[in-house]
Amino acid sequence: MIVLDTHTWIWWLSDPDQLPERSQKLIAECVRSESVYVSSISTWEVAMLVSRSRLRLAMDVRDWVARSEALDSIHFVPVDNVIALRAIELLEPFHSDPADRLIVATALTVGAQVVSKDRKIRDYPHVEAIWA
């Protein structure tokens, strides 16, 4: 079971060669078992990046998200009260980026690893993070 960080989700669907081989294999395994999770905060992040012209997608962001939602292998996890509170209660040290905190809280809540290039997430000792 894995939670994809926002950039991992984008690259997996749009440019999988950006992902290391081990991460690609792990995602493929989890696709087969339908155990790929994405925090809904990542949808917000993608939409913000597109609106600020920091990310270009091949289609409208709503269509891109809808196509992601249509994949049987991806489960979107809403940011509910449990996850929101857990993001605040993460043991320190961890950085203050709210989206990353919510992604890590999501992974801890569902009992999953995070697939992320982000060094701050990978160095956080309280969640298992993969990027190789």
C-alpha atoms as a PDB file:
ATOM      1  CA  MET A   1       0.000   0.000   0.000  1.00  0.00           C
ATOM      2  CA  ILE A   2       1.410   3.375  -1.019  1.00  0.00           C
ATOM      3  CA  VAL A   3       0.498   7.048  -0.958  1.00  0.00           C
ATOM      4  CA  LEU A   4       1.855   9.014  -3.906  1.00  0.00           C
ATOM      5  CA  ASP A   5       3.307  12.440  -3.207  1.00  0.00           C
ATOM      6  CA  THR A   6       1.920  15.068  -5.581  1.00  0.00           C
ATOM      7  CA  HIS A   7       4.901  15.120  -7.924  1.00  0.00           C
ATOM      8  CA  THR A   8       4.956  11.308  -7.999  1.00  0.00           C
ATOM      9  CA  TRP A   9       1.295  11.206  -9.024  1.00  0.00           C
ATOM     10  CA  ILE A  10       1.909  13.779 -11.775  1.00  0.00           C
ATOM     11  CA  TRP A  11       4.993  12.022 -13.129  1.00  0.00           C
ATOM     12  CA  TRP A  12       3.483   8.546 -12.901  1.00  0.00           C
ATOM     13  CA  LEU A  13       0.584   9.607 -15.134  1.00  0.00           C
ATOM     14  CA  SER A  14       2.296  12.198 -17.332  1.00  0.00           C
ATOM     15  CA  ASP A  15       5.995  11.330 -17.538  1.00  0.00           C
ATOM     16  CA  PRO A  16       6.827   8.014 -15.823  1.00  0.00           C
ATOM     17  CA  ASP A  17      10.465   8.159 -16.948  1.00  0.00           C
ATOM     18  CA  GLN A  18      10.950  10.809 -14.232  1.00  0.00           C
ATOM     19  CA  LEU A  19      10.431   8.061 -11.645  1.00  0.00           C
ATOM     20  CA  PRO A  20      13.290   5.824 -10.532  1.00  0.00           C
ATOM     21  CA  GLU A  21      13.009   2.186 -11.585  1.00  0.00           C
ATOM     22  CA  ARG A  22      12.337   0.898  -8.054  1.00  0.00           C
ATOM     23  CA  SER A  23       9.518   3.407  -7.590  1.00  0.00           C
ATOM     24  CA  GLN A  24       8.022   2.436 -10.952  1.00  0.00           C
ATOM     25  CA  LYS A  25       8.081  -1.245  -9.946  1.00  0.00           C
ATOM     26  CA  LEU A  26       6.532  -0.539  -6.553  1.00  0.00           C
ATOM     27  CA  ILE A  27       3.747   1.513  -8.134  1.00  0.00           C
ATOM     28  CA  ALA A  28       3.130  -1.238 -10.721  1.00  0.00           C
ATOM     29  CA  GLU A  29       2.834  -3.821  -7.918  1.00  0.00           C
ATOM     30  CA  CYS A  30       0.401  -1.625  -6.025  1.00  0.00           C
ATOM     31  CA  VAL A  31      -1.621  -0.958  -9.189  1.00  0.00           C
ATOM     32  CA  ARG A  32      -2.116  -4.720  -9.547  1.00  0.00           C
ATOM     33  CA  SER A  33      -3.372  -4.959  -5.970  1.00  0.00           C
ATOM     34  CA  GLU A  34      -5.344  -1.699  -6.273  1.00  0.00           C
ATOM     35  CA  SER A  35      -3.501  -0.220  -3.315  1.00  0.00           C
ATOM     36  CA  VAL A  36      -2.400   3.179  -4.669  1.00  0.00           C
ATOM     37  CA  TYR A  37      -3.621   6.140  -2.643  1.00  0.00           C
ATOM     38  CA  VAL A  38      -3.503   9.875  -3.316  1.00  0.00           C
ATOM     39  CA  SER A  39      -4.404  12.518  -0.770  1.00  0.00           C
ATOM     40  CA  SER A  40      -7.030  14.984  -1.949  1.00  0.00           C
ATOM     41  CA  ILE A  41      -4.607  17.737  -0.952  1.00  0.00           C
ATOM     42  CA  SER A  42      -2.594  16.666  -4.012  1.00  0.00           C
ATOM     43  CA  THR A  43      -5.560  17.580  -6.216  1.00  0.00           C
ATOM     44  CA  TRP A  44      -5.459  21.046  -4.671  1.00  0.00           C
ATOM     45  CA  GLU A  45      -1.687  21.233  -5.235  1.00  0.00           C
ATOM     46  CA  VAL A  46      -1.993  20.242  -8.906  1.00  0.00           C
ATOM     47  CA  ALA A  47      -4.760  22.790  -9.487  1.00  0.00           C
ATOM     48  CA  MET A  48      -2.698  25.509  -7.758  1.00  0.00           C
ATOM     49  CA  LEU A  49       0.390  24.701  -9.830  1.00  0.00           C
ATOM     50  CA  VAL A  50      -1.653  24.860 -13.039  1.00  0.00           C
ATOM     51  CA  SER A  51      -3.362  28.120 -12.017  1.00  0.00           C
ATOM     52  CA  ARG A  52       0.048  29.692 -11.296  1.00  0.00           C
ATOM     53  CA  SER A  53       1.477  28.417 -14.600  1.00  0.00           C
ATOM     54  CA  ARG A  54       4.042  26.293 -12.771  1.00  0.00           C
ATOM     55  CA  LEU A  55       2.620  23.096 -14.269  1.00  0.00           C
ATOM     56  CA  ARG A  56       1.265  22.438 -17.734  1.00  0.00           C
ATOM     57  CA  LEU A  57      -0.936  19.449 -18.347  1.00  0.00           C
ATOM     58  CA  ALA A  58      -1.962  18.063 -21.728  1.00  0.00           C
ATOM     59  CA  MET A  59      -5.607  18.798 -20.831  1.00  0.00           C
ATOM     60  CA  ASP A  60      -7.713  20.879 -18.479  1.00  0.00           C
ATOM     61  CA  VAL A  61      -6.901  20.173 -14.826  1.00  0.00           C
ATOM     62  CA  ARG A  62     -10.476  19.056 -14.101  1.00  0.00           C
ATOM     63  CA  ASP A  63     -10.293  16.519 -16.940  1.00  0.00           C
ATOM     64  CA  TRP A  64      -6.865  15.331 -15.767  1.00  0.00           C
ATOM     65  CA  VAL A  65      -8.162  14.772 -12.238  1.00  0.00           C
ATOM     66  CA  ALA A  66     -11.333  13.098 -13.545  1.00  0.00           C
ATOM     67  CA  ARG A  67      -9.244  10.682 -15.611  1.00  0.00           C
ATOM     68  CA  SER A  68      -7.185   9.907 -12.513  1.00  0.00           C
ATOM     69  CA  GLU A  69     -10.342   9.289 -10.509  1.00  0.00           C
ATOM     70  CA  ALA A  70     -11.587   6.900 -13.205  1.00  0.00           C
ATOM     71  CA  LEU A  71      -8.593   4.595 -12.721  1.00  0.00           C
ATOM     72  CA  ASP A  72      -9.562   1.572 -10.630  1.00  0.00           C
ATOM     73  CA  SER A  73      -6.106   1.384  -9.092  1.00  0.00           C
ATOM     74  CA  ILE A  74      -6.150   4.851  -7.468  1.00  0.00           C
ATOM     75  CA  HIS A  75      -8.063   5.664  -4.313  1.00  0.00           C
ATOM     76  CA  PHE A  76      -8.364   9.313  -3.322  1.00  0.00           C
ATOM     77  CA  VAL A  77      -8.298   9.924   0.406  1.00  0.00           C
ATOM     78  CA  PRO A  78     -10.222  12.996   1.528  1.00  0.00           C
ATOM     79  CA  VAL A  79      -8.628  15.259   4.088  1.00  0.00           C
ATOM     80  CA  ASP A  80     -11.002  14.479   6.935  1.00  0.00           C
ATOM     81  CA  ASN A  81     -10.806  15.611  10.551  1.00  0.00           C
ATOM     82  CA  VAL A  82      -8.652  12.638  11.596  1.00  0.00           C
ATOM     83  CA  ILE A  83      -6.034  13.391   8.928  1.00  0.00           C
ATOM     84  CA  ALA A  84      -6.196  17.160   9.522  1.00  0.00           C
ATOM     85  CA  LEU A  85      -5.553  16.706  13.231  1.00  0.00           C
ATOM     86  CA  ARG A  86      -2.861  14.095  12.659  1.00  0.00           C
ATOM     87  CA  ALA A  87      -1.028  16.530  10.348  1.00  0.00           C
ATOM     88  CA  ILE A  88      -0.808  18.996  13.228  1.00  0.00           C
ATOM     89  CA  GLU A  89       0.255  16.303  15.696  1.00  0.00           C
ATOM     90  CA  LEU A  90       3.170  14.907  13.645  1.00  0.00           C
ATOM     91  CA  LEU A  91       6.179  14.347  15.832  1.00  0.00           C
ATOM     92  CA  GLU A  92       8.966  16.797  15.220  1.00  0.00           C
ATOM     93  CA  PRO A  93      11.242  17.380  13.448  1.00  0.00           C
ATOM     94  CA  PHE A  94       9.232  17.869  10.294  1.00  0.00           C
ATOM     95  CA  HIS A  95       8.908  20.847   8.009  1.00  0.00           C
ATOM     96  CA  SER A  96       5.920  23.149   7.969  1.00  0.00           C
ATOM     97  CA  ASP A  97       4.605  22.664   4.408  1.00  0.00           C
ATOM     98  CA  PRO A  98       0.897  21.974   5.002  1.00  0.00           C
ATOM     99  CA  ALA A  99       0.431  19.776   1.914  1.00  0.00           C
ATOM    100  CA  ASP A 100       3.396  17.569   2.814  1.00  0.00           C
ATOM    101  CA  ARG A 101       2.148  17.296   6.390  1.00  0.00           C
ATOM    102  CA  LEU A 102      -1.268  16.190   5.108  1.00  0.00           C
ATOM    103  CA  ILE A 103       0.286  13.659   2.714  1.00  0.00           C
ATOM    104  CA  VAL A 104       2.371  12.149   5.513  1.00  0.00           C
ATOM    105  CA  ALA A 105      -0.633  12.163   7.863  1.00  0.00           C
ATOM    106  CA  THR A 106      -2.634  10.379   5.166  1.00  0.00           C
ATOM    107  CA  ALA A 107       0.049   7.699   4.817  1.00  0.00           C
ATOM    108  CA  LEU A 108       0.225   7.189   8.575  1.00  0.00           C
ATOM    109  CA  THR A 109      -3.568   7.028   8.854  1.00  0.00           C
ATOM    110  CA  VAL A 110      -4.012   4.415   6.111  1.00  0.00           C
ATOM    111  CA  GLY A 111      -0.829   2.519   7.080  1.00  0.00           C
ATOM    112  CA  ALA A 112       1.036   3.108   3.824  1.00  0.00           C
ATOM    113  CA  GLN A 113       4.470   4.048   2.547  1.00  0.00           C
ATOM    114  CA  VAL A 114       4.947   7.374   0.749  1.00  0.00           C
ATOM    115  CA  VAL A 115       6.541   7.458  -2.695  1.00  0.00           C
ATOM    116  CA  SER A 116       8.312  10.818  -2.779  1.00  0.00           C
ATOM    117  CA  LYS A 117      11.424  12.505  -4.074  1.00  0.00           C
ATOM    118  CA  ASP A 118      11.123  15.099  -1.291  1.00  0.00           C
ATOM    119  CA  ARG A 119      14.150  14.716   0.974  1.00  0.00           C
ATOM    120  CA  LYS A 120      12.285  16.187   3.966  1.00  0.00           C
ATOM    121  CA  ILE A 121       9.626  13.484   3.707  1.00  0.00           C
ATOM    122  CA  ARG A 122      12.198  10.748   3.121  1.00  0.00           C
ATOM    123  CA  ASP A 123      14.237  11.888   6.123  1.00  0.00           C
ATOM    124  CA  TYR A 124      11.218  11.996   8.425  1.00  0.00           C
ATOM    125  CA  PRO A 125      11.754   9.005  10.730  1.00  0.00           C
ATOM    126  CA  HIS A 126       8.080   8.398  11.520  1.00  0.00           C
ATOM    127  CA  VAL A 127       6.924   7.410   8.017  1.00  0.00           C
ATOM    128  CA  GLU A 128       8.394   4.957   5.536  1.00  0.00           C
ATOM    129  CA  ALA A 129       9.207   6.785   2.315  1.00  0.00           C
ATOM    130  CA  ILE A 130      10.555   5.327  -0.925  1.00  0.00           C
ATOM    131  CA  TRP A 131      12.443   6.942  -3.808  1.00  0.00           C
ATOM    132  CA  ALA A 132      14.930   4.795  -5.604  1.00  0.00           C
END
